[in-house]
Amino acid sequence: MPKMKTKAAAKKRFAFTGTGKIKRKHAYHSHILTKKETTQKRNLDHTALVSGDDEKRVKRMLLH
């Protein structure tokens, strides 16, 4: 049986931290930025962690 492949879309969007949690980027920070407040854009720039409910699903996509 061949090896299972990692989902390429997930590989581009998620990364593991040193402790094994999964980092993600915020949505709404790629276009139509003129109408958004500076504070909102600054807060969206930081990375966030994947919630516990979605963590199992994302790990399966990354085969970790």
PDB file of N, CA and C in Angstrom:
ATOM      1  N   MET A   1       0.852  -1.182   0.000  1.00  0.00           N
ATOM      2  CA  MET A   1       0.000   0.000   0.000  1.00  0.00           C
ATOM      3  C   MET A   1       0.894   1.239   0.000  1.00  0.00           C
ATOM      4  N   PRO A   2       0.561   2.250  -0.823  1.00  0.00           N
ATOM      5  CA  PRO A   2       1.430   3.437  -0.881  1.00  0.00           C
ATOM      6  C   PRO A   2       1.291   4.301   0.373  1.00  0.00           C
ATOM      7  N   LYS A   3       2.253   5.188   0.537  1.00  0.00           N
ATOM      8  CA  LYS A   3       2.217   6.104   1.679  1.00  0.00           C
ATOM      9  C   LYS A   3       1.046   7.070   1.540  1.00  0.00           C
ATOM     10  N   MET A   4       0.520   7.513   2.669  1.00  0.00           N
ATOM     11  CA  MET A   4      -0.540   8.515   2.661  1.00  0.00           C
ATOM     12  C   MET A   4       0.091   9.876   2.407  1.00  0.00           C
ATOM     13  N   LYS A   5      -0.549  10.678   1.579  1.00  0.00           N
ATOM     14  CA  LYS A   5      -0.014  11.996   1.276  1.00  0.00           C
ATOM     15  C   LYS A   5      -0.585  13.039   2.227  1.00  0.00           C
ATOM     16  N   THR A   6       0.245  14.026   2.551  1.00  0.00           N
ATOM     17  CA  THR A   6      -0.208  15.188   3.310  1.00  0.00           C
ATOM     18  C   THR A   6      -1.047  16.055   2.387  1.00  0.00           C
ATOM     19  N   LYS A   7      -2.125  16.644   2.910  1.00  0.00           N
ATOM     20  CA  LYS A   7      -2.929  17.561   2.111  1.00  0.00           C
ATOM     21  C   LYS A   7      -2.124  18.831   1.856  1.00  0.00           C
ATOM     22  N   ALA A   8      -1.899  19.155   0.601  1.00  0.00           N
ATOM     23  CA  ALA A   8      -1.045  20.292   0.243  1.00  0.00           C
ATOM     24  C   ALA A   8      -1.621  21.613   0.752  1.00  0.00           C
ATOM     25  N   ALA A   9      -2.937  21.751   0.746  1.00  0.00           N
ATOM     26  CA  ALA A   9      -3.559  22.991   1.223  1.00  0.00           C
ATOM     27  C   ALA A   9      -3.307  23.185   2.713  1.00  0.00           C
ATOM     28  N   ALA A  10      -3.393  22.107   3.481  1.00  0.00           N
ATOM     29  CA  ALA A  10      -3.149  22.193   4.919  1.00  0.00           C
ATOM     30  C   ALA A  10      -1.681  22.469   5.206  1.00  0.00           C
ATOM     31  N   LYS A  11      -0.802  21.890   4.413  1.00  0.00           N
ATOM     32  CA  LYS A  11       0.638  22.081   4.585  1.00  0.00           C
ATOM     33  C   LYS A  11       1.010  23.557   4.448  1.00  0.00           C
ATOM     34  N   LYS A  12       0.303  24.272   3.545  1.00  0.00           N
ATOM     35  CA  LYS A  12       0.591  25.688   3.315  1.00  0.00           C
ATOM     36  C   LYS A  12       0.003  26.584   4.397  1.00  0.00           C
ATOM     37  N   ARG A  13      -1.054  26.128   5.078  1.00  0.00           N
ATOM     38  CA  ARG A  13      -1.796  27.003   5.979  1.00  0.00           C
ATOM     39  C   ARG A  13      -1.479  26.823   7.459  1.00  0.00           C
ATOM     40  N   PHE A  14      -0.952  25.674   7.846  1.00  0.00           N
ATOM     41  CA  PHE A  14      -0.752  25.385   9.269  1.00  0.00           C
ATOM     42  C   PHE A  14       0.700  25.039   9.553  1.00  0.00           C
ATOM     43  N   ALA A  15       1.111  25.284  10.800  1.00  0.00           N
ATOM     44  CA  ALA A  15       2.458  24.925  11.236  1.00  0.00           C
ATOM     45  C   ALA A  15       2.388  24.483  12.688  1.00  0.00           C
ATOM     46  N   PHE A  16       3.275  23.579  13.077  1.00  0.00           N
ATOM     47  CA  PHE A  16       3.309  23.104  14.456  1.00  0.00           C
ATOM     48  C   PHE A  16       4.220  23.990  15.301  1.00  0.00           C
ATOM     49  N   THR A  17       3.829  24.194  16.558  1.00  0.00           N
ATOM     50  CA  THR A  17       4.693  24.887  17.505  1.00  0.00           C
ATOM     51  C   THR A  17       5.625  23.853  18.133  1.00  0.00           C
ATOM     52  N   GLY A  18       6.542  24.313  18.954  1.00  0.00           N
ATOM     53  CA  GLY A  18       7.471  23.406  19.604  1.00  0.00           C
ATOM     54  C   GLY A  18       6.791  22.447  20.559  1.00  0.00           C
ATOM     55  N   THR A  19       5.660  22.862  21.131  1.00  0.00           N
ATOM     56  CA  THR A  19       4.942  22.015  22.089  1.00  0.00           C
ATOM     57  C   THR A  19       3.891  21.135  21.424  1.00  0.00           C
ATOM     58  N   GLY A  20       3.765  21.213  20.083  1.00  0.00           N
ATOM     59  CA  GLY A  20       2.843  20.343  19.367  1.00  0.00           C
ATOM     60  C   GLY A  20       1.499  20.956  19.064  1.00  0.00           C
ATOM     61  N   LYS A  21       1.283  22.212  19.443  1.00  0.00           N
ATOM     62  CA  LYS A  21       0.034  22.877  19.075  1.00  0.00           C
ATOM     63  C   LYS A  21       0.134  23.309  17.610  1.00  0.00           C
ATOM     64  N   ILE A  22      -0.991  23.702  17.027  1.00  0.00           N
ATOM     65  CA  ILE A  22      -1.016  24.057  15.611  1.00  0.00           C
ATOM     66  C   ILE A  22      -1.304  25.541  15.461  1.00  0.00           C
ATOM     67  N   LYS A  23      -0.422  26.232  14.738  1.00  0.00           N
ATOM     68  CA  LYS A  23      -0.592  27.660  14.486  1.00  0.00           C
ATOM     69  C   LYS A  23      -1.394  27.860  13.205  1.00  0.00           C
ATOM     70  N   ARG A  24      -2.129  28.975  13.156  1.00  0.00           N
ATOM     71  CA  ARG A  24      -2.867  29.343  11.953  1.00  0.00           C
ATOM     72  C   ARG A  24      -2.833  30.858  11.810  1.00  0.00           C
ATOM     73  N   LYS A  25      -3.188  31.334  10.637  1.00  0.00           N
ATOM     74  CA  LYS A  25      -3.277  32.772  10.408  1.00  0.00           C
ATOM     75  C   LYS A  25      -4.734  33.201  10.495  1.00  0.00           C
ATOM     76  N   HIS A  26      -4.945  34.490  10.750  1.00  0.00           N
ATOM     77  CA  HIS A  26      -6.299  35.032  10.807  1.00  0.00           C
ATOM     78  C   HIS A  26      -6.829  35.277   9.397  1.00  0.00           C
ATOM     79  N   ALA A  27      -8.115  35.174   9.236  1.00  0.00           N
ATOM     80  CA  ALA A  27      -8.774  35.506   7.976  1.00  0.00           C
ATOM     81  C   ALA A  27      -8.984  37.022   7.900  1.00  0.00           C
ATOM     82  N   TYR A  28      -9.437  37.504   6.762  1.00  0.00           N
ATOM     83  CA  TYR A  28      -9.797  38.911   6.529  1.00  0.00           C
ATOM     84  C   TYR A  28      -8.590  39.847   6.543  1.00  0.00           C
ATOM     85  N   HIS A  29      -7.418  39.364   6.162  1.00  0.00           N
ATOM     86  CA  HIS A  29      -6.251  40.239   6.160  1.00  0.00           C
ATOM     87  C   HIS A  29      -5.531  40.223   4.814  1.00  0.00           C
ATOM     88  N   SER A  30      -6.258  39.878   3.747  1.00  0.00           N
ATOM     89  CA  SER A  30      -5.586  39.772   2.454  1.00  0.00           C
ATOM     90  C   SER A  30      -5.995  40.866   1.465  1.00  0.00           C
ATOM     91  N   HIS A  31      -7.228  41.339   1.528  1.00  0.00           N
ATOM     92  CA  HIS A  31      -7.651  42.387   0.597  1.00  0.00           C
ATOM     93  C   HIS A  31      -8.793  43.175   1.216  1.00  0.00           C
ATOM     94  N   ILE A  32      -9.187  44.251   0.536  1.00  0.00           N
ATOM     95  CA  ILE A  32     -10.188  45.219   1.022  1.00  0.00           C
ATOM     96  C   ILE A  32      -9.759  45.725   2.411  1.00  0.00           C
ATOM     97  N   LEU A  33      -8.531  46.194   2.495  1.00  0.00           N
ATOM     98  CA  LEU A  33      -7.991  46.640   3.776  1.00  0.00           C
ATOM     99  C   LEU A  33      -8.235  48.123   4.030  1.00  0.00           C
ATOM    100  N   THR A  34      -8.696  48.878   3.018  1.00  0.00           N
ATOM    101  CA  THR A  34      -8.861  50.314   3.191  1.00  0.00           C
ATOM    102  C   THR A  34      -9.990  50.650   4.163  1.00  0.00           C
ATOM    103  N   LYS A  35     -11.027  49.814   4.208  1.00  0.00           N
ATOM    104  CA  LYS A  35     -12.160  50.124   5.085  1.00  0.00           C
ATOM    105  C   LYS A  35     -11.984  49.563   6.497  1.00  0.00           C
ATOM    106  N   LYS A  36     -10.909  48.823   6.742  1.00  0.00           N
ATOM    107  CA  LYS A  36     -10.680  48.248   8.069  1.00  0.00           C
ATOM    108  C   LYS A  36      -9.804  49.169   8.902  1.00  0.00           C
ATOM    109  N   GLU A  37     -10.097  49.218  10.192  1.00  0.00           N
ATOM    110  CA  GLU A  37      -9.322  50.054  11.104  1.00  0.00           C
ATOM    111  C   GLU A  37      -7.899  49.522  11.242  1.00  0.00           C
ATOM    112  N   THR A  38      -6.980  50.420  11.547  1.00  0.00           N
ATOM    113  CA  THR A  38      -5.585  50.036  11.737  1.00  0.00           C
ATOM    114  C   THR A  38      -5.442  49.016  12.856  1.00  0.00           C
ATOM    115  N   THR A  39      -6.202  49.214  13.929  1.00  0.00           N
ATOM    116  CA  THR A  39      -6.151  48.288  15.065  1.00  0.00           C
ATOM    117  C   THR A  39      -6.576  46.889  14.640  1.00  0.00           C
ATOM    118  N   GLN A  40      -7.642  46.804  13.854  1.00  0.00           N
ATOM    119  CA  GLN A  40      -8.123  45.503  13.405  1.00  0.00           C
ATOM    120  C   GLN A  40      -7.079  44.816  12.536  1.00  0.00           C
ATOM    121  N   LYS A  41      -6.467  45.580  11.616  1.00  0.00           N
ATOM    122  CA  LYS A  41      -5.465  44.993  10.736  1.00  0.00           C
ATOM    123  C   LYS A  41      -4.251  44.522  11.523  1.00  0.00           C
ATOM    124  N   ARG A  42      -3.876  45.278  12.527  1.00  0.00           N
ATOM    125  CA  ARG A  42      -2.724  44.912  13.360  1.00  0.00           C
ATOM    126  C   ARG A  42      -3.016  43.628  14.141  1.00  0.00           C
ATOM    127  N   ASN A  43      -4.222  43.515  14.686  1.00  0.00           N
ATOM    128  CA  ASN A  43      -4.589  42.319  15.442  1.00  0.00           C
ATOM    129  C   ASN A  43      -4.697  41.088  14.540  1.00  0.00           C
ATOM    130  N   LEU A  44      -5.119  41.266  13.299  1.00  0.00           N
ATOM    131  CA  LEU A  44      -5.237  40.148  12.371  1.00  0.00           C
ATOM    132  C   LEU A  44      -3.874  39.658  11.896  1.00  0.00           C
ATOM    133  N   ASP A  45      -2.836  40.476  12.080  1.00  0.00           N
ATOM    134  CA  ASP A  45      -1.502  40.141  11.595  1.00  0.00           C
ATOM    135  C   ASP A  45      -0.852  39.040  12.431  1.00  0.00           C
ATOM    136  N   HIS A  46      -1.276  38.907  13.695  1.00  0.00           N
ATOM    137  CA  HIS A  46      -0.668  37.917  14.584  1.00  0.00           C
ATOM    138  C   HIS A  46      -1.196  36.515  14.271  1.00  0.00           C
ATOM    139  N   THR A  47      -0.415  35.514  14.626  1.00  0.00           N
ATOM    140  CA  THR A  47      -0.890  34.138  14.445  1.00  0.00           C
ATOM    141  C   THR A  47      -1.760  33.736  15.625  1.00  0.00           C
ATOM    142  N   ALA A  48      -2.591  32.745  15.398  1.00  0.00           N
ATOM    143  CA  ALA A  48      -3.460  32.214  16.446  1.00  0.00           C
ATOM    144  C   ALA A  48      -3.284  30.702  16.487  1.00  0.00           C
ATOM    145  N   LEU A  49      -3.879  30.076  17.486  1.00  0.00           N
ATOM    146  CA  LEU A  49      -3.819  28.626  17.603  1.00  0.00           C
ATOM    147  C   LEU A  49      -5.134  28.028  17.132  1.00  0.00           C
ATOM    148  N   VAL A  50      -5.052  26.864  16.538  1.00  0.00           N
ATOM    149  CA  VAL A  50      -6.245  26.134  16.107  1.00  0.00           C
ATOM    150  C   VAL A  50      -6.990  25.687  17.359  1.00  0.00           C
ATOM    151  N   SER A  51      -8.309  25.814  17.358  1.00  0.00           N
ATOM    152  CA  SER A  51      -9.101  25.433  18.520  1.00  0.00           C
ATOM    153  C   SER A  51      -9.049  23.918  18.725  1.00  0.00           C
ATOM    154  N   GLY A  52      -9.331  23.500  19.936  1.00  0.00           N
ATOM    155  CA  GLY A  52      -9.271  22.085  20.275  1.00  0.00           C
ATOM    156  C   GLY A  52     -10.224  21.239  19.468  1.00  0.00           C
ATOM    157  N   ASP A  53     -11.368  21.806  19.089  1.00  0.00           N
ATOM    158  CA  ASP A  53     -12.347  21.056  18.308  1.00  0.00           C
ATOM    159  C   ASP A  53     -11.830  20.738  16.905  1.00  0.00           C
ATOM    160  N   ASP A  54     -11.051  21.655  16.338  1.00  0.00           N
ATOM    161  CA  ASP A  54     -10.558  21.468  14.973  1.00  0.00           C
ATOM    162  C   ASP A  54      -9.183  20.812  14.924  1.00  0.00           C
ATOM    163  N   GLU A  55      -8.523  20.717  16.065  1.00  0.00           N
ATOM    164  CA  GLU A  55      -7.142  20.234  16.089  1.00  0.00           C
ATOM    165  C   GLU A  55      -7.016  18.809  15.545  1.00  0.00           C
ATOM    166  N   LYS A  56      -7.939  17.943  15.920  1.00  0.00           N
ATOM    167  CA  LYS A  56      -7.897  16.550  15.464  1.00  0.00           C
ATOM    168  C   LYS A  56      -8.048  16.485  13.945  1.00  0.00           C
ATOM    169  N   ARG A  57      -8.945  17.289  13.411  1.00  0.00           N
ATOM    170  CA  ARG A  57      -9.193  17.316  11.971  1.00  0.00           C
ATOM    171  C   ARG A  57      -7.965  17.800  11.203  1.00  0.00           C
ATOM    172  N   VAL A  58      -7.318  18.849  11.722  1.00  0.00           N
ATOM    173  CA  VAL A  58      -6.150  19.405  11.055  1.00  0.00           C
ATOM    174  C   VAL A  58      -4.970  18.442  11.142  1.00  0.00           C
ATOM    175  N   LYS A  59      -4.811  17.786  12.285  1.00  0.00           N
ATOM    176  CA  LYS A  59      -3.711  16.814  12.438  1.00  0.00           C
ATOM    177  C   LYS A  59      -3.872  15.653  11.449  1.00  0.00           C
ATOM    178  N   ARG A  60      -5.108  15.245  11.193  1.00  0.00           N
ATOM    179  CA  ARG A  60      -5.342  14.168  10.244  1.00  0.00           C
ATOM    180  C   ARG A  60      -4.957  14.612   8.838  1.00  0.00           C
ATOM    181  N   MET A  61      -5.219  15.887   8.513  1.00  0.00           N
ATOM    182  CA  MET A  61      -4.830  16.397   7.195  1.00  0.00           C
ATOM    183  C   MET A  61      -3.312  16.470   7.054  1.00  0.00           C
ATOM    184  N   LEU A  62      -2.628  16.751   8.176  1.00  0.00           N
ATOM    185  CA  LEU A  62      -1.171  16.853   8.149  1.00  0.00           C
ATOM    186  C   LEU A  62      -0.481  15.525   8.438  1.00  0.00           C
ATOM    187  N   LEU A  63      -1.248  14.513   8.839  1.00  0.00           N
ATOM    188  CA  LEU A  63      -0.715  13.182   9.159  1.00  0.00           C
ATOM    189  C   LEU A  63       0.411  13.241  10.179  1.00  0.00           C
ATOM    190  N   HIS A  64       0.176  13.949  11.252  1.00  0.00           N
ATOM    191  CA  HIS A  64       1.194  14.091  12.303  1.00  0.00           C
ATOM    192  C   HIS A  64       0.905  13.139  13.443  1.00  0.00           C
TER     193      HIS A  64
END
